[in-house]
Protein backbone atom coordinates (compact mmCIF):
# COMPACT_ATOMS: atom_id res chain seq x y z
CA MET A 1 17.69 -13.15 -35.56
CA PHE A 2 14.93 -10.72 -34.82
CA ILE A 3 17.24 -7.78 -35.40
CA ALA A 4 18.46 -9.36 -38.68
CA LEU A 5 14.93 -9.66 -39.80
CA LEU A 6 13.95 -6.20 -38.82
CA PHE A 7 17.01 -4.99 -40.70
CA PHE A 8 16.03 -7.10 -43.86
CA PHE A 9 12.49 -5.61 -43.91
CA TYR A 10 13.88 -1.97 -43.44
CA GLN A 11 16.14 -2.49 -46.38
CA LEU A 12 13.44 -4.19 -48.41
CA SER A 13 11.14 -1.31 -47.72
CA ARG A 14 13.77 1.25 -48.89
CA LEU A 15 14.39 -0.77 -52.14
CA LEU A 16 10.68 -1.09 -52.76
CA GLY A 17 10.19 2.64 -52.04
CA LYS A 18 12.75 3.51 -54.61
CA MET A 19 11.34 1.27 -57.12
CA LEU A 20 7.85 2.78 -56.42
CA GLU A 21 9.22 6.29 -56.93
CA THR A 22 10.90 5.25 -60.19
CA PHE A 23 7.54 3.80 -61.23
CA TYR A 24 5.57 6.83 -60.36
CA PHE A 25 7.89 9.59 -61.56
CA GLN A 26 9.77 7.76 -64.33
CA GLY A 27 12.97 8.08 -62.36
CA GLU A 28 13.59 11.77 -61.99
CA LYS A 29 12.01 12.82 -65.33
CA ASN A 30 8.55 13.80 -63.63
CA ILE A 31 9.57 14.43 -60.06
CA PRO A 32 8.53 17.87 -58.91
CA THR A 33 12.11 19.15 -58.68
CA THR A 34 12.37 18.53 -62.44
CA GLU A 35 8.90 19.57 -63.40
CA PHE A 36 8.91 22.92 -61.62
CA LEU A 37 11.83 24.21 -63.66
CA LEU A 38 10.22 23.43 -67.03
CA TYR A 39 8.72 26.52 -68.83
CA GLY A 40 5.54 24.52 -69.54
CA ASN A 41 4.97 23.99 -65.73
CA GLU A 42 2.97 26.77 -63.98
CA GLU A 43 4.00 25.99 -60.30
CA TYR A 44 6.50 28.93 -60.33
CA SER A 45 6.46 32.26 -62.11
CA LEU A 46 8.66 32.84 -65.08
CA SER A 47 10.84 35.32 -63.15
CA TYR A 48 11.37 32.82 -60.37
CA LYS A 49 12.34 30.08 -62.83
CA GLU A 50 14.64 32.55 -64.45
CA LYS A 51 16.24 33.48 -61.16
CA ILE A 52 16.88 29.76 -60.48
CA ARG A 53 18.27 29.13 -63.94
CA ARG A 54 20.61 32.20 -63.68
CA LYS A 55 22.01 30.91 -60.40
CA ILE A 56 22.52 27.34 -61.91
CA LYS A 57 24.51 28.90 -64.72
CA LYS A 58 26.58 30.91 -62.35
CA ASP A 59 27.21 28.20 -59.83
CA PHE A 60 27.61 25.17 -62.04
CA GLY A 61 28.25 26.59 -65.61
CA THR A 62 25.18 24.81 -66.86
CA LYS A 63 22.91 26.62 -69.32
CA LEU A 64 19.50 25.26 -69.25
CA MET A 65 17.45 25.26 -72.45
CA ASP A 66 15.21 28.45 -73.32
CA GLN A 67 11.48 27.92 -73.93
CA LYS A 68 11.74 27.12 -77.68
CA GLU A 69 14.62 24.69 -77.24
CA GLU A 70 12.87 23.01 -74.38
CA VAL A 71 9.68 22.31 -76.46
CA LYS A 72 11.87 20.91 -79.25
CA LYS A 73 14.19 18.75 -77.12
CA MET A 74 12.12 17.90 -73.99
CA ALA A 75 13.95 14.76 -73.02
CA GLU A 76 17.31 16.55 -73.23
CA ALA A 77 15.96 19.63 -71.28
CA LYS A 78 14.70 17.25 -68.48
CA LYS A 79 18.20 15.61 -68.44
CA LEU A 80 19.97 19.04 -67.96
CA ILE A 81 17.48 19.98 -65.22
CA ILE A 82 18.00 16.57 -63.48
CA GLU A 83 21.80 17.06 -63.52
CA SER A 84 21.44 20.52 -62.25
CA VAL A 85 19.10 19.54 -59.42
CA ARG A 86 21.54 16.90 -58.32
CA GLN A 87 24.17 19.65 -58.00
CA ILE A 88 21.75 21.91 -56.17
CA ARG A 89 20.96 19.01 -53.73
CA HIS A 90 24.61 18.53 -53.10
CA LYS A 91 25.15 22.26 -52.44
CA VAL A 92 22.28 22.67 -49.98
CA LYS A 93 22.02 19.19 -48.51
CA SER A 94 22.60 20.38 -45.05
CA GLY A 95 20.03 23.03 -45.09
CA ARG A 96 17.57 22.65 -42.17
CA LEU A 97 14.32 23.04 -44.17
CA VAL A 98 15.56 20.71 -47.05
CA LEU A 99 16.76 18.17 -44.69
CA ASN A 100 13.48 18.10 -42.86
CA ARG A 101 11.48 17.81 -46.13
CA ASN A 102 13.85 15.06 -47.35
CA ILE A 103 13.38 13.09 -44.18
CA GLU A 104 9.69 13.51 -44.45
CA TYR A 105 9.48 12.37 -48.02
CA GLY A 106 11.88 9.41 -47.40
CA PHE A 107 9.89 8.32 -44.41
CA PHE A 108 6.58 8.18 -46.25
CA ARG A 109 7.97 6.69 -49.37
CA ASN A 110 9.52 3.85 -47.26
CA LEU A 111 6.22 3.56 -45.21
CA ILE A 112 4.19 3.16 -48.39
CA ALA A 113 6.57 0.44 -49.49
CA GLY A 114 6.13 -1.17 -46.18
CA GLY A 115 2.39 -1.13 -46.76
CA PHE A 116 2.96 -3.16 -49.88
CA ILE A 117 4.78 -5.78 -47.71
CA SER A 118 2.22 -5.62 -44.89
CA LEU A 119 -0.99 -5.78 -46.93
CA PRO A 120 -0.64 -9.43 -47.92
CA ALA A 121 -0.01 -10.40 -44.35
CA SER A 122 -3.06 -8.49 -43.25
CA ILE A 123 -5.17 -10.20 -45.89
CA TYR A 124 -3.92 -13.51 -44.89
CA GLY A 125 -4.69 -12.60 -41.20
CA VAL A 126 -8.30 -11.75 -42.22
CA TYR A 127 -8.59 -15.13 -43.90
CA PHE A 128 -6.84 -17.11 -41.16
CA PHE A 129 -8.88 -15.51 -38.34
CA THR A 130 -12.08 -15.86 -40.23
CA GLN A 131 -11.54 -19.55 -40.66
CA ASN A 132 -10.30 -20.34 -37.22
CA TYR A 133 -12.08 -17.67 -35.00
CA PRO A 134 -14.83 -16.19 -37.01
CA SER A 135 -16.26 -13.92 -34.37
CA SER A 136 -13.15 -12.73 -32.72
CA LEU A 137 -11.84 -9.28 -32.39
CA ALA A 138 -8.68 -10.41 -34.42
CA VAL A 139 -10.81 -10.58 -37.56
CA GLN A 140 -11.96 -7.01 -37.08
CA VAL A 141 -8.56 -5.70 -36.33
CA GLU A 142 -6.97 -7.46 -39.38
CA ALA A 143 -9.79 -6.28 -41.66
CA PHE A 144 -9.20 -2.71 -40.26
CA PHE A 145 -5.53 -2.96 -41.04
CA ALA A 146 -6.04 -4.29 -44.47
CA ILE A 147 -8.58 -1.54 -45.29
CA MET A 148 -6.19 1.23 -43.88
CA LEU A 149 -3.22 -0.21 -45.81
CA SER A 150 -5.18 -0.44 -48.98
CA ALA A 151 -6.27 3.27 -48.60
CA PHE A 152 -2.71 4.28 -47.80
CA ILE A 153 -1.49 2.48 -51.01
CA LEU A 154 -4.26 3.78 -53.13
CA SER A 155 -3.38 7.42 -52.15
CA SER A 156 0.33 6.82 -52.28
CA PHE A 157 0.96 8.61 -55.62
CA HIS A 158 -0.81 11.79 -54.54
CA LEU A 159 0.97 11.62 -51.12
CA LEU A 160 4.30 11.46 -52.73
CA LYS A 161 3.52 14.00 -55.31
CA PHE A 162 2.36 16.34 -52.41
CA LEU A 163 5.52 15.60 -50.27
CA GLY A 164 7.78 15.98 -53.44
CA LYS A 165 6.31 19.44 -54.12
CA ASN A 166 7.11 20.41 -50.50
CA TYR A 167 10.68 19.03 -50.87
CA ALA A 168 11.07 20.92 -54.22
CA ASN A 169 9.93 24.16 -52.86
CA ALA A 170 12.28 23.96 -49.78
CA LEU A 171 15.15 22.97 -52.07
CA PHE A 172 14.77 25.88 -54.44
CA GLN A 173 14.04 28.31 -51.58
CA GLU A 174 17.30 27.40 -49.74
CA TYR A 175 19.24 27.22 -52.98
CA LEU A 176 18.28 30.85 -53.70
CA ASN A 177 19.00 32.02 -50.20
């Protein structure tokens, strides 16, 4: 039963993590792998973006929109980039650097989601121990966990954005090599 519960919370954490990612980045529309290839984004130089775009055209036959088209049809431009990035992921999925960054991102995404599950339990723990053992160490420990989980959750968007940027950089670097 313990293993089944552990597996249930693991799967719940993964599901909530995916939902959180969708909420923060509107699916894949605003995730760094999409954003970095847009002409309006300044993360990469124009020549680096063009190099990636040429390779996408060569490898997959997909021509991404030019700057003027992108401004006029931003939603369609993002869809083309998302589709291309999926193909890039499939092509370089076994790359060492990409794999490490993907594991790192996924770990923290799921850990943050686990924080959303754990925080109510910690808050309840503070209440329970305050009511029953007001001067115990358990109150302090539960309060500490509640504060740490709250801080972790509050910084989750910035943490996922940072890790997403690391992943995007590794993905495009390995793709071009």
